[in-house]
């Protein structure tokens, strides 16, 4: 029974992570295309794409917050490693728990205040595209939820069972087995 629950949680994680990671890559590609198109239009065609700066900024913000969630999953957030190895194992374990609690609090902060920010900006519009301003901030609560989810999996001890490696790609060994 417990193995079945673990498998379901791991499968959900892998799908969730794959979507977030793939979406972040897609957003980066779109930002690069928009910026290249703007440079081409400005230097070769001597014209401007009016919406490019606004859309590129929006997508860059989205990518940044998705990057924060991916970084939290990979434990790439800022940490003080200088003295960590010099402490006894018991103190390191306490520090690890404290690290997870702080990460959960950051995820909760992003979620709660991100939702507030999205709700408070729903009525305003971006100046050029006329899109709702809340689109600028929608990834804050999404990344908060992702941070909480990844941290809870880590607390539950499911981190070592995940199929992702440090580069964020799925392990070839696991794919070859299937």
N, C-alpha and C. Protein backbone atom coordinates (compact mmCIF):
# COMPACT_ATOMS: atom_id res chain seq x y z
N UNK A 1 0.83 -1.20 0.00
CA UNK A 1 0.00 0.00 0.00
C UNK A 1 0.86 1.26 0.00
N UNK A 2 1.86 1.30 0.91
CA UNK A 2 2.75 2.46 1.01
C UNK A 2 3.60 2.61 -0.24
N UNK A 3 4.02 1.46 -0.82
CA UNK A 3 4.79 1.50 -2.05
C UNK A 3 3.96 2.09 -3.19
N UNK A 4 2.67 1.75 -3.22
CA UNK A 4 1.79 2.28 -4.25
C UNK A 4 1.62 3.79 -4.13
N UNK A 5 1.49 4.28 -2.90
CA UNK A 5 1.37 5.72 -2.67
C UNK A 5 2.66 6.42 -3.08
N UNK A 6 3.80 5.83 -2.71
CA UNK A 6 5.09 6.40 -3.09
C UNK A 6 5.20 6.49 -4.61
N UNK A 7 4.81 5.42 -5.29
CA UNK A 7 4.91 5.40 -6.75
C UNK A 7 4.03 6.47 -7.37
N UNK A 8 2.82 6.64 -6.85
CA UNK A 8 1.91 7.67 -7.37
C UNK A 8 2.51 9.05 -7.15
N UNK A 9 3.02 9.31 -5.94
CA UNK A 9 3.62 10.62 -5.64
C UNK A 9 4.83 10.89 -6.53
N UNK A 10 5.63 9.86 -6.76
CA UNK A 10 6.81 10.03 -7.61
C UNK A 10 6.39 10.28 -9.05
N UNK A 11 5.37 9.56 -9.53
CA UNK A 11 4.88 9.77 -10.89
C UNK A 11 4.32 11.18 -11.06
N UNK A 12 3.57 11.64 -10.05
CA UNK A 12 3.03 13.01 -10.08
C UNK A 12 4.18 14.01 -10.10
N UNK A 13 5.18 13.77 -9.24
CA UNK A 13 6.34 14.67 -9.21
C UNK A 13 7.00 14.73 -10.58
N UNK A 14 7.27 13.57 -11.16
CA UNK A 14 7.98 13.53 -12.43
C UNK A 14 7.21 14.26 -13.52
N UNK A 15 5.88 14.09 -13.56
CA UNK A 15 5.07 14.81 -14.53
C UNK A 15 5.10 16.31 -14.26
N UNK A 16 4.90 16.69 -13.00
CA UNK A 16 4.89 18.10 -12.60
C UNK A 16 6.23 18.76 -12.93
N UNK A 17 7.31 18.08 -12.59
CA UNK A 17 8.65 18.63 -12.84
C UNK A 17 8.91 18.74 -14.34
N UNK A 18 8.51 17.72 -15.08
CA UNK A 18 8.72 17.72 -16.53
C UNK A 18 7.97 18.88 -17.18
N UNK A 19 6.75 19.15 -16.73
CA UNK A 19 5.96 20.26 -17.26
C UNK A 19 6.63 21.59 -16.93
N UNK A 20 7.01 21.79 -15.66
CA UNK A 20 7.64 23.05 -15.26
C UNK A 20 8.96 23.26 -15.99
N UNK A 21 9.78 22.24 -16.04
CA UNK A 21 11.09 22.36 -16.68
C UNK A 21 10.93 22.61 -18.18
N UNK A 22 10.05 21.87 -18.82
CA UNK A 22 9.81 22.06 -20.25
C UNK A 22 9.23 23.43 -20.56
N UNK A 23 8.32 23.89 -19.69
CA UNK A 23 7.72 25.21 -19.89
C UNK A 23 8.76 26.31 -19.74
N UNK A 24 9.65 26.19 -18.76
CA UNK A 24 10.71 27.18 -18.57
C UNK A 24 11.62 27.23 -19.80
N UNK A 25 11.93 26.09 -20.37
CA UNK A 25 12.75 26.06 -21.58
C UNK A 25 12.03 26.71 -22.75
N UNK A 26 10.72 26.44 -22.87
CA UNK A 26 9.91 27.02 -23.93
C UNK A 26 9.87 28.54 -23.79
N UNK A 27 9.66 29.03 -22.58
CA UNK A 27 9.61 30.47 -22.33
C UNK A 27 10.95 31.12 -22.71
N UNK A 28 12.05 30.50 -22.33
CA UNK A 28 13.37 31.03 -22.69
C UNK A 28 13.52 31.13 -24.20
N UNK A 29 13.10 30.11 -24.92
CA UNK A 29 13.20 30.12 -26.39
C UNK A 29 12.36 31.25 -26.98
N UNK A 30 11.16 31.46 -26.46
CA UNK A 30 10.29 32.53 -26.97
C UNK A 30 10.91 33.90 -26.69
N UNK A 31 11.48 34.09 -25.50
CA UNK A 31 12.14 35.36 -25.17
C UNK A 31 13.28 35.62 -26.15
N UNK A 32 14.07 34.61 -26.43
CA UNK A 32 15.19 34.77 -27.37
C UNK A 32 14.69 35.15 -28.75
N UNK A 33 13.62 34.50 -29.22
CA UNK A 33 13.05 34.82 -30.54
C UNK A 33 12.53 36.25 -30.56
N UNK A 34 11.83 36.67 -29.51
CA UNK A 34 11.29 38.03 -29.45
C UNK A 34 12.41 39.07 -29.49
N UNK A 35 13.45 38.85 -28.70
CA UNK A 35 14.56 39.81 -28.66
C UNK A 35 15.29 39.84 -30.00
N UNK A 36 15.53 38.68 -30.60
CA UNK A 36 16.19 38.63 -31.91
C UNK A 36 15.35 39.32 -32.98
N UNK A 37 14.04 39.10 -32.95
CA UNK A 37 13.14 39.76 -33.90
C UNK A 37 13.19 41.27 -33.72
N UNK A 38 13.22 41.73 -32.49
CA UNK A 38 13.29 43.17 -32.23
C UNK A 38 14.60 43.76 -32.75
N UNK A 39 15.70 43.08 -32.52
CA UNK A 39 17.00 43.56 -33.01
C UNK A 39 17.00 43.61 -34.54
N UNK A 40 16.48 42.56 -35.17
CA UNK A 40 16.39 42.53 -36.63
C UNK A 40 15.53 43.68 -37.15
N UNK A 41 14.35 43.86 -36.56
CA UNK A 41 13.44 44.92 -37.01
C UNK A 41 14.04 46.31 -36.80
N UNK A 42 14.68 46.51 -35.68
CA UNK A 42 15.24 47.83 -35.38
C UNK A 42 16.44 48.14 -36.28
N UNK A 43 17.33 47.18 -36.47
CA UNK A 43 18.57 47.46 -37.22
C UNK A 43 18.45 47.29 -38.73
N UNK A 44 17.63 46.36 -39.18
CA UNK A 44 17.53 46.08 -40.61
C UNK A 44 16.32 46.79 -41.22
N UNK A 45 15.16 46.63 -40.60
CA UNK A 45 13.93 47.19 -41.16
C UNK A 45 13.65 48.62 -40.69
N UNK A 46 14.41 49.09 -39.72
CA UNK A 46 14.26 50.44 -39.16
C UNK A 46 12.84 50.70 -38.65
N UNK A 47 12.32 49.70 -37.95
CA UNK A 47 10.99 49.82 -37.33
C UNK A 47 11.04 49.15 -35.97
N UNK A 48 10.00 49.30 -35.22
CA UNK A 48 9.93 48.73 -33.87
C UNK A 48 8.75 47.77 -33.74
N UNK A 49 8.92 46.76 -32.92
CA UNK A 49 7.80 45.91 -32.53
C UNK A 49 7.32 46.48 -31.19
N UNK A 50 6.14 47.05 -31.17
CA UNK A 50 5.67 47.78 -30.00
C UNK A 50 5.57 46.92 -28.75
N UNK A 51 5.12 45.71 -28.90
CA UNK A 51 4.80 44.86 -27.75
C UNK A 51 5.98 44.04 -27.25
N UNK A 52 7.11 44.07 -27.94
CA UNK A 52 8.19 43.13 -27.62
C UNK A 52 8.74 43.29 -26.22
N UNK A 53 8.95 44.52 -25.78
CA UNK A 53 9.55 44.74 -24.47
C UNK A 53 8.64 44.25 -23.35
N UNK A 54 7.35 44.54 -23.50
CA UNK A 54 6.38 44.14 -22.48
C UNK A 54 6.26 42.62 -22.39
N UNK A 55 6.17 41.96 -23.52
CA UNK A 55 6.03 40.50 -23.54
C UNK A 55 7.32 39.83 -23.08
N UNK A 56 8.46 40.35 -23.52
CA UNK A 56 9.74 39.77 -23.09
C UNK A 56 9.92 39.92 -21.58
N UNK A 57 9.53 41.06 -21.02
CA UNK A 57 9.61 41.26 -19.57
C UNK A 57 8.70 40.29 -18.84
N UNK A 58 7.47 40.15 -19.32
CA UNK A 58 6.50 39.23 -18.72
C UNK A 58 7.06 37.80 -18.71
N UNK A 59 7.56 37.35 -19.84
CA UNK A 59 8.08 35.98 -19.93
C UNK A 59 9.36 35.80 -19.11
N UNK A 60 10.17 36.84 -19.01
CA UNK A 60 11.38 36.76 -18.19
C UNK A 60 11.02 36.61 -16.72
N UNK A 61 10.01 37.34 -16.28
CA UNK A 61 9.54 37.21 -14.89
C UNK A 61 9.01 35.80 -14.66
N UNK A 62 8.23 35.28 -15.60
CA UNK A 62 7.72 33.91 -15.47
C UNK A 62 8.87 32.92 -15.36
N UNK A 63 9.86 33.08 -16.24
CA UNK A 63 11.00 32.16 -16.25
C UNK A 63 11.79 32.25 -14.94
N UNK A 64 11.93 33.46 -14.42
CA UNK A 64 12.67 33.63 -13.17
C UNK A 64 12.00 32.89 -12.01
N UNK A 65 10.68 33.02 -11.90
CA UNK A 65 10.00 32.36 -10.79
C UNK A 65 9.94 30.84 -10.98
N UNK A 66 9.84 30.38 -12.21
CA UNK A 66 9.94 28.94 -12.44
C UNK A 66 11.34 28.44 -12.12
N UNK A 67 12.34 29.26 -12.43
CA UNK A 67 13.72 28.92 -12.08
C UNK A 67 13.92 28.82 -10.58
N UNK A 68 13.24 29.68 -9.83
CA UNK A 68 13.32 29.60 -8.37
C UNK A 68 12.76 28.27 -7.89
N UNK A 69 11.63 27.85 -8.45
CA UNK A 69 11.03 26.57 -8.06
C UNK A 69 11.94 25.39 -8.42
N UNK A 70 12.51 25.43 -9.61
CA UNK A 70 13.42 24.37 -10.03
C UNK A 70 14.66 24.37 -9.14
N UNK A 71 15.16 25.55 -8.81
CA UNK A 71 16.32 25.66 -7.93
C UNK A 71 16.03 25.13 -6.54
N UNK A 72 14.82 25.38 -6.04
CA UNK A 72 14.44 24.84 -4.72
C UNK A 72 14.40 23.32 -4.76
N UNK A 73 13.92 22.77 -5.86
CA UNK A 73 13.86 21.31 -5.98
C UNK A 73 15.26 20.71 -6.02
N UNK A 74 16.19 21.41 -6.65
CA UNK A 74 17.56 20.91 -6.80
C UNK A 74 18.46 21.32 -5.64
N UNK A 75 17.90 21.98 -4.63
CA UNK A 75 18.69 22.52 -3.50
C UNK A 75 19.79 23.45 -3.99
N UNK A 76 19.46 24.28 -4.97
CA UNK A 76 20.42 25.23 -5.51
C UNK A 76 20.27 26.61 -4.89
N UNK A 77 19.39 26.73 -3.91
CA UNK A 77 19.20 28.02 -3.26
C UNK A 77 20.42 28.36 -2.42
N UNK A 78 20.51 29.62 -2.05
CA UNK A 78 21.67 30.09 -1.31
C UNK A 78 21.75 29.38 0.03
N UNK A 79 22.90 28.86 0.34
CA UNK A 79 23.11 28.18 1.62
C UNK A 79 24.51 28.45 2.13
N UNK A 80 24.68 28.36 3.42
CA UNK A 80 25.99 28.58 4.01
C UNK A 80 26.64 27.21 4.19
N UNK A 81 27.57 26.89 3.32
CA UNK A 81 28.24 25.59 3.33
C UNK A 81 29.59 25.64 4.02
N UNK A 82 30.05 26.83 4.34
CA UNK A 82 31.40 27.00 4.86
C UNK A 82 31.66 26.18 6.11
N UNK A 83 30.74 26.23 7.06
CA UNK A 83 30.93 25.53 8.33
C UNK A 83 30.12 24.25 8.44
N UNK A 84 29.24 24.01 7.49
CA UNK A 84 28.31 22.88 7.56
C UNK A 84 29.04 21.55 7.77
N UNK A 85 30.07 21.29 7.00
CA UNK A 85 30.79 20.02 7.08
C UNK A 85 31.57 19.85 8.38
N UNK A 86 31.83 20.93 9.07
CA UNK A 86 32.60 20.86 10.32
C UNK A 86 31.72 20.52 11.53
N UNK A 87 30.39 20.63 11.37
CA UNK A 87 29.48 20.32 12.47
C UNK A 87 29.28 18.81 12.60
N UNK A 88 28.93 18.35 13.81
CA UNK A 88 28.58 16.93 13.97
C UNK A 88 27.30 16.61 13.19
N UNK A 89 27.09 15.33 12.94
CA UNK A 89 25.96 14.87 12.14
C UNK A 89 24.63 15.33 12.73
N UNK A 90 24.48 15.28 14.05
CA UNK A 90 23.21 15.68 14.68
C UNK A 90 22.89 17.15 14.40
N UNK A 91 23.89 17.99 14.48
CA UNK A 91 23.65 19.42 14.21
C UNK A 91 23.36 19.63 12.72
N UNK A 92 24.03 18.87 11.86
CA UNK A 92 23.74 18.98 10.42
C UNK A 92 22.30 18.56 10.13
N UNK A 93 21.82 17.51 10.82
CA UNK A 93 20.44 17.08 10.63
C UNK A 93 19.47 18.16 11.06
N UNK A 94 19.76 18.82 12.18
CA UNK A 94 18.91 19.93 12.65
C UNK A 94 18.94 21.07 11.63
N UNK A 95 20.11 21.35 11.10
CA UNK A 95 20.23 22.41 10.09
C UNK A 95 19.46 22.05 8.81
N UNK A 96 19.47 20.78 8.44
CA UNK A 96 18.71 20.34 7.27
C UNK A 96 17.21 20.53 7.48
N UNK A 97 16.74 20.18 8.68
CA UNK A 97 15.32 20.37 9.00
C UNK A 97 14.98 21.86 8.97
N UNK A 98 15.83 22.68 9.54
CA UNK A 98 15.62 24.13 9.54
C UNK A 98 15.60 24.67 8.11
N UNK A 99 16.47 24.16 7.28
CA UNK A 99 16.50 24.55 5.87
C UNK A 99 15.18 24.21 5.18
N UNK A 100 14.65 23.03 5.43
CA UNK A 100 13.38 22.63 4.83
C UNK A 100 12.23 23.50 5.33
N UNK A 101 12.24 23.82 6.62
CA UNK A 101 11.19 24.67 7.18
C UNK A 101 11.23 26.06 6.55
N UNK A 102 12.42 26.62 6.42
CA UNK A 102 12.56 27.94 5.80
C UNK A 102 12.10 27.89 4.34
N UNK A 103 12.46 26.83 3.63
CA UNK A 103 12.04 26.68 2.24
C UNK A 103 10.52 26.58 2.14
N UNK A 104 9.90 25.82 3.05
CA UNK A 104 8.43 25.75 3.09
C UNK A 104 7.82 27.13 3.35
N UNK A 105 8.40 27.88 4.26
CA UNK A 105 7.89 29.22 4.57
C UNK A 105 8.01 30.15 3.36
N UNK A 106 9.11 30.05 2.64
CA UNK A 106 9.27 30.86 1.43
C UNK A 106 8.21 30.47 0.40
N UNK A 107 7.98 29.17 0.23
CA UNK A 107 6.94 28.72 -0.69
C UNK A 107 5.57 29.21 -0.27
N UNK A 108 5.28 29.16 1.02
CA UNK A 108 3.99 29.65 1.53
C UNK A 108 3.87 31.16 1.31
N UNK A 109 4.95 31.89 1.55
CA UNK A 109 4.96 33.34 1.34
C UNK A 109 4.67 33.66 -0.12
N UNK A 110 5.37 32.98 -1.04
CA UNK A 110 5.13 33.18 -2.47
C UNK A 110 3.68 32.89 -2.83
N UNK A 111 3.14 31.81 -2.27
CA UNK A 111 1.77 31.42 -2.60
C UNK A 111 0.77 32.44 -2.09
N UNK A 112 0.82 32.76 -0.81
CA UNK A 112 -0.17 33.66 -0.20
C UNK A 112 -0.08 35.06 -0.79
N UNK A 113 1.11 35.63 -0.76
CA UNK A 113 1.25 37.01 -1.23
C UNK A 113 1.21 37.10 -2.75
N UNK A 114 1.58 36.03 -3.44
CA UNK A 114 1.44 36.00 -4.89
C UNK A 114 -0.02 36.02 -5.31
N UNK A 115 -0.86 35.24 -4.61
CA UNK A 115 -2.30 35.26 -4.90
C UNK A 115 -2.86 36.65 -4.62
N UNK A 116 -2.45 37.25 -3.51
CA UNK A 116 -2.92 38.61 -3.20
C UNK A 116 -2.52 39.60 -4.29
N UNK A 117 -1.29 39.48 -4.76
CA UNK A 117 -0.82 40.38 -5.80
C UNK A 117 -1.59 40.18 -7.10
N UNK A 118 -1.83 38.92 -7.46
CA UNK A 118 -2.59 38.62 -8.67
C UNK A 118 -4.00 39.20 -8.57
N UNK A 119 -4.65 38.99 -7.43
CA UNK A 119 -6.01 39.49 -7.25
C UNK A 119 -6.06 41.02 -7.25
N UNK A 120 -5.06 41.65 -6.68
CA UNK A 120 -5.08 43.12 -6.61
C UNK A 120 -4.76 43.78 -7.95
N UNK A 121 -4.19 43.06 -8.88
CA UNK A 121 -3.84 43.65 -10.18
C UNK A 121 -4.74 43.17 -11.32
N UNK A 122 -5.80 42.46 -10.99
CA UNK A 122 -6.67 41.92 -12.04
C UNK A 122 -7.38 43.01 -12.85
N UNK A 123 -7.68 44.12 -12.23
CA UNK A 123 -8.45 45.16 -12.91
C UNK A 123 -7.60 46.09 -13.76
N UNK A 124 -6.30 46.11 -13.54
CA UNK A 124 -5.44 46.99 -14.34
C UNK A 124 -4.92 46.24 -15.57
N UNK A 125 -4.50 47.01 -16.54
CA UNK A 125 -4.04 46.44 -17.81
C UNK A 125 -2.60 46.86 -18.10
N UNK A 126 -1.88 46.01 -18.81
CA UNK A 126 -0.55 46.38 -19.27
C UNK A 126 -0.71 47.42 -20.38
N UNK A 127 0.17 48.40 -20.46
CA UNK A 127 -0.06 49.54 -21.35
C UNK A 127 -0.09 49.22 -22.85
N UNK A 128 0.77 48.37 -23.34
CA UNK A 128 0.85 48.14 -24.78
C UNK A 128 -0.05 47.00 -25.23
N UNK A 129 0.05 45.85 -24.57
CA UNK A 129 -0.71 44.67 -25.00
C UNK A 129 -2.14 44.68 -24.50
N UNK A 130 -2.41 45.49 -23.48
CA UNK A 130 -3.74 45.57 -22.84
C UNK A 130 -4.13 44.26 -22.16
N UNK A 131 -3.15 43.41 -21.90
CA UNK A 131 -3.40 42.19 -21.13
C UNK A 131 -3.58 42.55 -19.67
N UNK A 132 -4.27 41.70 -18.89
CA UNK A 132 -4.40 41.99 -17.45
C UNK A 132 -3.02 42.02 -16.78
N UNK A 133 -2.82 42.99 -15.91
CA UNK A 133 -1.54 43.10 -15.19
C UNK A 133 -1.27 41.89 -14.32
N UNK A 134 -2.33 41.17 -13.95
CA UNK A 134 -2.15 39.99 -13.10
C UNK A 134 -1.32 38.92 -13.79
N UNK A 135 -1.27 38.92 -15.13
CA UNK A 135 -0.42 37.97 -15.85
C UNK A 135 1.04 38.13 -15.47
N UNK A 136 1.43 39.37 -15.12
CA UNK A 136 2.81 39.64 -14.76
C UNK A 136 3.20 38.87 -13.49
N UNK A 137 2.22 38.62 -12.62
CA UNK A 137 2.51 38.07 -11.30
C UNK A 137 1.98 36.65 -11.09
N UNK A 138 1.37 36.05 -12.07
CA UNK A 138 0.71 34.75 -11.90
C UNK A 138 1.69 33.63 -11.55
N UNK A 139 2.94 33.76 -11.98
CA UNK A 139 3.92 32.71 -11.69
C UNK A 139 4.43 32.73 -10.26
N UNK A 140 4.17 33.81 -9.51
CA UNK A 140 4.62 33.85 -8.12
C UNK A 140 3.90 32.78 -7.30
N UNK A 141 2.55 32.73 -7.30
CA UNK A 141 1.91 31.65 -6.54
C UNK A 141 2.15 30.26 -7.14
N UNK A 142 2.29 30.18 -8.45
CA UNK A 142 2.58 28.88 -9.08
C UNK A 142 3.92 28.35 -8.59
N UNK A 143 4.93 29.22 -8.55
CA UNK A 143 6.23 28.77 -8.06
C UNK A 143 6.18 28.47 -6.57
N UNK A 144 5.38 29.21 -5.81
CA UNK A 144 5.22 28.92 -4.38
C UNK A 144 4.65 27.53 -4.15
N UNK A 145 3.63 27.19 -4.92
CA UNK A 145 3.02 25.86 -4.80
C UNK A 145 4.04 24.78 -5.18
N UNK A 146 4.81 25.03 -6.24
CA UNK A 146 5.84 24.07 -6.66
C UNK A 146 6.91 23.91 -5.58
N UNK A 147 7.33 25.01 -4.97
CA UNK A 147 8.34 24.94 -3.90
C UNK A 147 7.81 24.12 -2.73
N UNK A 148 6.57 24.37 -2.35
CA UNK A 148 5.96 23.61 -1.24
C UNK A 148 5.90 22.13 -1.60
N UNK A 149 5.44 21.82 -2.79
CA UNK A 149 5.31 20.43 -3.23
C UNK A 149 6.66 19.72 -3.22
N UNK A 150 7.67 20.35 -3.81
CA UNK A 150 8.99 19.73 -3.86
C UNK A 150 9.57 19.53 -2.47
N UNK A 151 9.35 20.50 -1.58
CA UNK A 151 9.89 20.41 -0.22
C UNK A 151 9.17 19.33 0.58
N UNK A 152 7.87 19.22 0.40
CA UNK A 152 7.11 18.17 1.11
C UNK A 152 7.59 16.80 0.65
N UNK A 153 7.82 16.63 -0.63
CA UNK A 153 8.37 15.35 -1.12
C UNK A 153 9.73 15.07 -0.49
N UNK A 154 10.54 16.11 -0.37
CA UNK A 154 11.85 15.96 0.26
C UNK A 154 11.71 15.56 1.72
N UNK A 155 10.80 16.19 2.44
CA UNK A 155 10.56 15.87 3.85
C UNK A 155 10.07 14.44 4.01
N UNK A 156 9.24 13.99 3.06
CA UNK A 156 8.71 12.63 3.11
C UNK A 156 9.75 11.58 2.74
N UNK A 157 10.93 12.02 2.34
CA UNK A 157 11.99 11.08 1.99
C UNK A 157 11.88 10.52 0.60
N UNK A 158 11.13 11.18 -0.27
CA UNK A 158 10.95 10.67 -1.63
C UNK A 158 11.96 11.27 -2.60
N UNK A 159 12.81 12.14 -2.12
CA UNK A 159 13.75 12.82 -3.01
C UNK A 159 14.70 11.84 -3.70
N UNK A 160 15.15 10.83 -2.99
CA UNK A 160 16.10 9.91 -3.61
C UNK A 160 15.45 9.00 -4.64
N UNK A 161 14.13 8.99 -4.71
CA UNK A 161 13.45 8.12 -5.66
C UNK A 161 13.09 8.82 -6.96
N UNK A 162 13.32 10.12 -7.02
CA UNK A 162 12.92 10.86 -8.20
C UNK A 162 13.77 10.46 -9.39
N UNK A 163 13.23 10.66 -10.57
CA UNK A 163 13.92 10.26 -11.79
C UNK A 163 14.79 11.36 -12.38
N UNK A 164 14.83 12.52 -11.77
CA UNK A 164 15.61 13.61 -12.35
C UNK A 164 17.02 13.62 -11.80
N UNK A 165 17.95 14.01 -12.64
CA UNK A 165 19.33 14.16 -12.17
C UNK A 165 19.64 15.64 -11.99
N UNK A 166 20.87 15.98 -11.69
CA UNK A 166 21.23 17.37 -11.40
C UNK A 166 21.04 18.30 -12.58
N UNK A 167 21.09 17.80 -13.78
CA UNK A 167 20.93 18.65 -14.96
C UNK A 167 19.47 18.89 -15.28
N UNK A 168 18.56 18.25 -14.56
CA UNK A 168 17.15 18.45 -14.80
C UNK A 168 16.59 17.57 -15.89
N UNK A 169 17.38 16.65 -16.40
CA UNK A 169 16.90 15.75 -17.44
C UNK A 169 16.57 14.41 -16.80
N UNK A 170 15.71 13.69 -17.45
CA UNK A 170 15.37 12.38 -16.92
C UNK A 170 16.51 11.41 -17.17
N UNK A 171 16.79 10.60 -16.17
CA UNK A 171 17.90 9.65 -16.28
C UNK A 171 17.69 8.70 -17.44
N UNK A 172 18.72 8.55 -18.23
CA UNK A 172 18.63 7.66 -19.38
C UNK A 172 18.46 6.21 -18.94
N UNK A 173 19.05 5.86 -17.79
CA UNK A 173 18.93 4.48 -17.30
C UNK A 173 17.48 4.12 -17.03
N UNK A 174 16.73 5.05 -16.42
CA UNK A 174 15.33 4.78 -16.12
C UNK A 174 14.52 4.66 -17.41
N UNK A 175 14.84 5.52 -18.39
CA UNK A 175 14.11 5.47 -19.65
C UNK A 175 14.41 4.18 -20.40
N UNK A 176 15.66 3.70 -20.32
CA UNK A 176 16.03 2.48 -21.03
C UNK A 176 15.35 1.26 -20.42
N UNK A 177 15.10 1.28 -19.10
CA UNK A 177 14.44 0.16 -18.43
C UNK A 177 12.99 0.04 -18.88
N UNK A 178 12.36 1.18 -19.19
CA UNK A 178 10.93 1.17 -19.55
C UNK A 178 10.75 0.87 -20.98
